[in-house]
């Protein structure tokens, strides 16, 4: 599993945990902060990946 896949898996796990905790009345601030950092990191990596793939020549 690549590092990006690991980050995405952690993001999904934490997002689910935070959502359910919200229904139960209390989100752990550390989980919420980690989720926000992961979100920023994934957005950054996706932006880099998109710009790199835009530069690749398309085969005809």
PDB file of N, CA and C in Angstrom:
ATOM      1  N   UNK A   1       0.847  -1.166   0.000  1.00  0.00           N
ATOM      2  CA  UNK A   1       0.000   0.000   0.000  1.00  0.00           C
ATOM      3  C   UNK A   1       0.900   1.239   0.000  1.00  0.00           C
ATOM      4  N   UNK A   2       0.615   2.161  -0.908  1.00  0.00           N
ATOM      5  CA  UNK A   2       1.429   3.370  -1.010  1.00  0.00           C
ATOM      6  C   UNK A   2       1.147   4.313   0.165  1.00  0.00           C
ATOM      7  N   UNK A   3       2.019   5.289   0.318  1.00  0.00           N
ATOM      8  CA  UNK A   3       1.833   6.263   1.397  1.00  0.00           C
ATOM      9  C   UNK A   3       0.522   7.025   1.207  1.00  0.00           C
ATOM     10  N   UNK A   4       0.199   7.355  -0.033  1.00  0.00           N
ATOM     11  CA  UNK A   4      -1.052   8.065  -0.315  1.00  0.00           C
ATOM     12  C   UNK A   4      -2.257   7.209   0.057  1.00  0.00           C
ATOM     13  N   UNK A   5      -2.211   5.941  -0.261  1.00  0.00           N
ATOM     14  CA  UNK A   5      -3.304   5.040   0.099  1.00  0.00           C
ATOM     15  C   UNK A   5      -3.452   4.921   1.617  1.00  0.00           C
ATOM     16  N   UNK A   6      -2.332   4.916   2.323  1.00  0.00           N
ATOM     17  CA  UNK A   6      -2.375   4.861   3.787  1.00  0.00           C
ATOM     18  C   UNK A   6      -3.008   6.127   4.356  1.00  0.00           C
ATOM     19  N   UNK A   7      -2.648   7.289   3.798  1.00  0.00           N
ATOM     20  CA  UNK A   7      -3.248   8.548   4.249  1.00  0.00           C
ATOM     21  C   UNK A   7      -4.752   8.568   3.979  1.00  0.00           C
ATOM     22  N   UNK A   8      -5.145   8.096   2.799  1.00  0.00           N
ATOM     23  CA  UNK A   8      -6.566   8.056   2.462  1.00  0.00           C
ATOM     24  C   UNK A   8      -7.331   7.118   3.393  1.00  0.00           C
ATOM     25  N   UNK A   9      -6.748   5.983   3.720  1.00  0.00           N
ATOM     26  CA  UNK A   9      -7.388   5.031   4.624  1.00  0.00           C
ATOM     27  C   UNK A   9      -7.526   5.629   6.019  1.00  0.00           C
ATOM     28  N   UNK A  10      -6.488   6.295   6.491  1.00  0.00           N
ATOM     29  CA  UNK A  10      -6.560   6.935   7.806  1.00  0.00           C
ATOM     30  C   UNK A  10      -7.611   8.037   7.795  1.00  0.00           C
ATOM     31  N   UNK A  11      -7.673   8.799   6.701  1.00  0.00           N
ATOM     32  CA  UNK A  11      -8.667   9.866   6.587  1.00  0.00           C
ATOM     33  C   UNK A  11     -10.082   9.282   6.673  1.00  0.00           C
ATOM     34  N   UNK A  12     -10.350   8.221   5.931  1.00  0.00           N
ATOM     35  CA  UNK A  12     -11.678   7.602   5.959  1.00  0.00           C
ATOM     36  C   UNK A  12     -12.017   7.080   7.355  1.00  0.00           C
ATOM     37  N   UNK A  13     -11.038   6.451   8.010  1.00  0.00           N
ATOM     38  CA  UNK A  13     -11.267   5.916   9.351  1.00  0.00           C
ATOM     39  C   UNK A  13     -11.590   7.034  10.336  1.00  0.00           C
ATOM     40  N   UNK A  14     -10.780   8.097  10.290  1.00  0.00           N
ATOM     41  CA  UNK A  14     -11.003   9.210  11.207  1.00  0.00           C
ATOM     42  C   UNK A  14     -12.303   9.955  10.893  1.00  0.00           C
ATOM     43  N   UNK A  15     -12.614  10.121   9.618  1.00  0.00           N
ATOM     44  CA  UNK A  15     -13.854  10.808   9.241  1.00  0.00           C
ATOM     45  C   UNK A  15     -15.056  10.046   9.794  1.00  0.00           C
ATOM     46  N   UNK A  16     -15.038   8.736   9.657  1.00  0.00           N
ATOM     47  CA  UNK A  16     -16.129   7.920  10.186  1.00  0.00           C
ATOM     48  C   UNK A  16     -16.213   8.053  11.699  1.00  0.00           C
ATOM     49  N   UNK A  17     -15.073   8.005  12.364  1.00  0.00           N
ATOM     50  CA  UNK A  17     -15.037   8.116  13.830  1.00  0.00           C
ATOM     51  C   UNK A  17     -15.577   9.473  14.279  1.00  0.00           C
ATOM     52  N   UNK A  18     -15.172  10.555  13.607  1.00  0.00           N
ATOM     53  CA  UNK A  18     -15.608  11.903  13.975  1.00  0.00           C
ATOM     54  C   UNK A  18     -17.108  12.066  13.727  1.00  0.00           C
ATOM     55  N   UNK A  19     -17.605  11.529  12.621  1.00  0.00           N
ATOM     56  CA  UNK A  19     -19.037  11.625  12.328  1.00  0.00           C
ATOM     57  C   UNK A  19     -19.850  10.923  13.403  1.00  0.00           C
ATOM     58  N   UNK A  20     -19.484   9.687  13.727  1.00  0.00           N
ATOM     59  CA  UNK A  20     -20.227   8.952  14.747  1.00  0.00           C
ATOM     60  C   UNK A  20     -20.096   9.597  16.123  1.00  0.00           C
ATOM     61  N   UNK A  21     -18.937  10.116  16.427  1.00  0.00           N
ATOM     62  CA  UNK A  21     -18.747  10.796  17.711  1.00  0.00           C
ATOM     63  C   UNK A  21     -19.630  12.032  17.789  1.00  0.00           C
ATOM     64  N   UNK A  22     -19.823  12.710  16.666  1.00  0.00           N
ATOM     65  CA  UNK A  22     -20.699  13.874  16.635  1.00  0.00           C
ATOM     66  C   UNK A  22     -22.124  13.504  16.975  1.00  0.00           C
ATOM     67  N   UNK A  23     -22.582  12.350  16.504  1.00  0.00           N
ATOM     68  CA  UNK A  23     -23.941  11.889  16.825  1.00  0.00           C
ATOM     69  C   UNK A  23     -24.060  11.504  18.292  1.00  0.00           C
ATOM     70  N   UNK A  24     -22.969  11.040  18.863  1.00  0.00           N
ATOM     71  CA  UNK A  24     -22.978  10.579  20.246  1.00  0.00           C
ATOM     72  C   UNK A  24     -22.690  11.702  21.234  1.00  0.00           C
ATOM     73  N   UNK A  25     -22.397  12.880  20.725  1.00  0.00           N
ATOM     74  CA  UNK A  25     -22.273  14.026  21.603  1.00  0.00           C
ATOM     75  C   UNK A  25     -20.875  14.532  21.913  1.00  0.00           C
ATOM     76  N   UNK A  26     -19.834  13.940  21.375  1.00  0.00           N
ATOM     77  CA  UNK A  26     -18.515  14.467  21.706  1.00  0.00           C
ATOM     78  C   UNK A  26     -17.413  14.019  20.769  1.00  0.00           C
ATOM     79  N   UNK A  27     -16.887  14.952  20.019  1.00  0.00           N
ATOM     80  CA  UNK A  27     -15.778  14.671  19.111  1.00  0.00           C
ATOM     81  C   UNK A  27     -14.475  14.956  19.843  1.00  0.00           C
ATOM     82  N   UNK A  28     -13.534  14.036  19.734  1.00  0.00           N
ATOM     83  CA  UNK A  28     -12.213  14.226  20.323  1.00  0.00           C
ATOM     84  C   UNK A  28     -11.494  15.328  19.531  1.00  0.00           C
ATOM     85  N   UNK A  29     -11.080  16.407  20.213  1.00  0.00           N
ATOM     86  CA  UNK A  29     -10.405  17.502  19.508  1.00  0.00           C
ATOM     87  C   UNK A  29      -9.135  17.064  18.772  1.00  0.00           C
ATOM     88  N   UNK A  30      -8.432  16.086  19.305  1.00  0.00           N
ATOM     89  CA  UNK A  30      -7.227  15.586  18.636  1.00  0.00           C
ATOM     90  C   UNK A  30      -7.580  14.881  17.329  1.00  0.00           C
ATOM     91  N   UNK A  31      -8.671  14.100  17.342  1.00  0.00           N
ATOM     92  CA  UNK A  31      -9.119  13.439  16.117  1.00  0.00           C
ATOM     93  C   UNK A  31      -9.539  14.475  15.083  1.00  0.00           C
ATOM     94  N   UNK A  32     -10.269  15.495  15.520  1.00  0.00           N
ATOM     95  CA  UNK A  32     -10.719  16.544  14.610  1.00  0.00           C
ATOM     96  C   UNK A  32      -9.525  17.283  13.997  1.00  0.00           C
ATOM     97  N   UNK A  33      -8.528  17.598  14.813  1.00  0.00           N
ATOM     98  CA  UNK A  33      -7.337  18.294  14.322  1.00  0.00           C
ATOM     99  C   UNK A  33      -6.565  17.413  13.343  1.00  0.00           C
ATOM    100  N   UNK A  34      -6.415  16.131  13.655  1.00  0.00           N
ATOM    101  CA  UNK A  34      -5.711  15.210  12.758  1.00  0.00           C
ATOM    102  C   UNK A  34      -6.458  15.074  11.437  1.00  0.00           C
ATOM    103  N   UNK A  35      -7.787  15.022  11.494  1.00  0.00           N
ATOM    104  CA  UNK A  35      -8.595  14.926  10.285  1.00  0.00           C
ATOM    105  C   UNK A  35      -8.399  16.155   9.397  1.00  0.00           C
ATOM    106  N   UNK A  36      -8.339  17.316  10.005  1.00  0.00           N
ATOM    107  CA  UNK A  36      -8.116  18.551   9.245  1.00  0.00           C
ATOM    108  C   UNK A  36      -6.727  18.558   8.601  1.00  0.00           C
ATOM    109  N   UNK A  37      -5.712  18.096   9.329  1.00  0.00           N
ATOM    110  CA  UNK A  37      -4.356  18.033   8.760  1.00  0.00           C
ATOM    111  C   UNK A  37      -4.292  17.037   7.606  1.00  0.00           C
ATOM    112  N   UNK A  38      -4.943  15.891   7.777  1.00  0.00           N
ATOM    113  CA  UNK A  38      -4.966  14.897   6.703  1.00  0.00           C
ATOM    114  C   UNK A  38      -5.682  15.452   5.473  1.00  0.00           C
ATOM    115  N   UNK A  39      -6.768  16.157   5.698  1.00  0.00           N
ATOM    116  CA  UNK A  39      -7.513  16.756   4.595  1.00  0.00           C
ATOM    117  C   UNK A  39      -6.632  17.714   3.808  1.00  0.00           C
ATOM    118  N   UNK A  40      -5.919  18.571   4.507  1.00  0.00           N
ATOM    119  CA  UNK A  40      -5.019  19.521   3.855  1.00  0.00           C
ATOM    120  C   UNK A  40      -3.912  18.798   3.085  1.00  0.00           C
ATOM    121  N   UNK A  41      -3.352  17.759   3.678  1.00  0.00           N
ATOM    122  CA  UNK A  41      -2.284  17.000   3.026  1.00  0.00           C
ATOM    123  C   UNK A  41      -2.798  16.302   1.766  1.00  0.00           C
ATOM    124  N   UNK A  42      -3.976  15.693   1.845  1.00  0.00           N
ATOM    125  CA  UNK A  42      -4.532  15.010   0.678  1.00  0.00           C
ATOM    126  C   UNK A  42      -4.878  15.999  -0.426  1.00  0.00           C
ATOM    127  N   UNK A  43      -5.424  17.149  -0.062  1.00  0.00           N
ATOM    128  CA  UNK A  43      -5.711  18.179  -1.065  1.00  0.00           C
ATOM    129  C   UNK A  43      -4.431  18.648  -1.742  1.00  0.00           C
ATOM    130  N   UNK A  44      -3.389  18.842  -0.955  1.00  0.00           N
ATOM    131  CA  UNK A  44      -2.098  19.279  -1.505  1.00  0.00           C
ATOM    132  C   UNK A  44      -1.543  18.233  -2.461  1.00  0.00           C
ATOM    133  N   UNK A  45      -1.566  16.975  -2.047  1.00  0.00           N
ATOM    134  CA  UNK A  45      -1.043  15.909  -2.899  1.00  0.00           C
ATOM    135  C   UNK A  45      -1.867  15.743  -4.173  1.00  0.00           C
ATOM    136  N   UNK A  46      -3.176  15.876  -4.060  1.00  0.00           N
ATOM    137  CA  UNK A  46      -4.024  15.763  -5.248  1.00  0.00           C
ATOM    138  C   UNK A  46      -3.765  16.920  -6.211  1.00  0.00           C
ATOM    139  N   UNK A  47      -3.535  18.108  -5.684  1.00  0.00           N
ATOM    140  CA  UNK A  47      -3.237  19.258  -6.536  1.00  0.00           C
ATOM    141  C   UNK A  47      -1.910  19.051  -7.257  1.00  0.00           C
ATOM    142  N   UNK A  48      -0.931  18.519  -6.556  1.00  0.00           N
ATOM    143  CA  UNK A  48       0.366  18.241  -7.172  1.00  0.00           C
ATOM    144  C   UNK A  48       0.207  17.165  -8.240  1.00  0.00           C
ATOM    145  N   UNK A  49      -0.536  16.107  -7.918  1.00  0.00           N
ATOM    146  CA  UNK A  49      -0.754  15.031  -8.868  1.00  0.00           C
ATOM    147  C   UNK A  49      -1.497  15.497 -10.110  1.00  0.00           C
ATOM    148  N   UNK A  50      -2.470  16.377  -9.939  1.00  0.00           N
ATOM    149  CA  UNK A  50      -3.232  16.903 -11.070  1.00  0.00           C
ATOM    150  C   UNK A  50      -2.357  17.754 -11.965  1.00  0.00           C
ATOM    151  N   UNK A  51      -1.519  18.573 -11.365  1.00  0.00           N
ATOM    152  CA  UNK A  51      -0.664  19.435 -12.181  1.00  0.00           C
ATOM    153  C   UNK A  51       0.395  18.612 -12.918  1.00  0.00           C
ATOM    154  N   UNK A  52       0.874  17.537 -12.307  1.00  0.00           N
ATOM    155  CA  UNK A  52       1.855  16.679 -12.970  1.00  0.00           C
ATOM    156  C   UNK A  52       1.216  15.912 -14.127  1.00  0.00           C
ATOM    157  N   UNK A  53       0.005  15.421 -13.940  1.00  0.00           N
ATOM    158  CA  UNK A  53      -0.639  14.660 -15.007  1.00  0.00           C
ATOM    159  C   UNK A  53      -1.056  15.580 -16.153  1.00  0.00           C
ATOM    160  N   UNK A  54      -1.290  16.852 -15.871  1.00  0.00           N
ATOM    161  CA  UNK A  54      -1.641  17.800 -16.922  1.00  0.00           C
ATOM    162  C   UNK A  54      -0.450  18.069 -17.827  1.00  0.00           C
ATOM    163  N   UNK A  55       0.765  17.898 -17.311  1.00  0.00           N
ATOM    164  CA  UNK A  55       1.971  18.124 -18.099  1.00  0.00           C
ATOM    165  C   UNK A  55       2.376  16.944 -18.963  1.00  0.00           C
ATOM    166  N   UNK A  56       1.820  15.755 -18.654  1.00  0.00           N
ATOM    167  CA  UNK A  56       2.191  14.570 -19.409  1.00  0.00           C
ATOM    168  C   UNK A  56       1.567  14.611 -20.798  1.00  0.00           C
ATOM    169  N   UNK A  57       2.344  14.271 -21.837  1.00  0.00           N
ATOM    170  CA  UNK A  57       1.782  14.261 -23.179  1.00  0.00           C
ATOM    171  C   UNK A  57       0.761  13.134 -23.345  1.00  0.00           C
ATOM    172  N   UNK A  58      -0.261  13.413 -24.124  1.00  0.00           N
ATOM    173  CA  UNK A  58      -1.310  12.425 -24.368  1.00  0.00           C
ATOM    174  C   UNK A  58      -0.959  11.687 -25.660  1.00  0.00           C
ATOM    175  N   UNK A  59      -0.973  10.348 -25.596  1.00  0.00           N
ATOM    176  CA  UNK A  59      -0.675   9.538 -26.776  1.00  0.00           C
ATOM    177  C   UNK A  59      -1.853   9.580 -27.733  1.00  0.00           C
ATOM    178  N   UNK A  60      -1.576   9.716 -29.017  1.00  0.00           N
ATOM    179  CA  UNK A  60      -2.654   9.781 -30.014  1.00  0.00           C
ATOM    180  C   UNK A  60      -3.045   8.420 -30.510  1.00  0.00           C
TER     181      UNK A  60
END
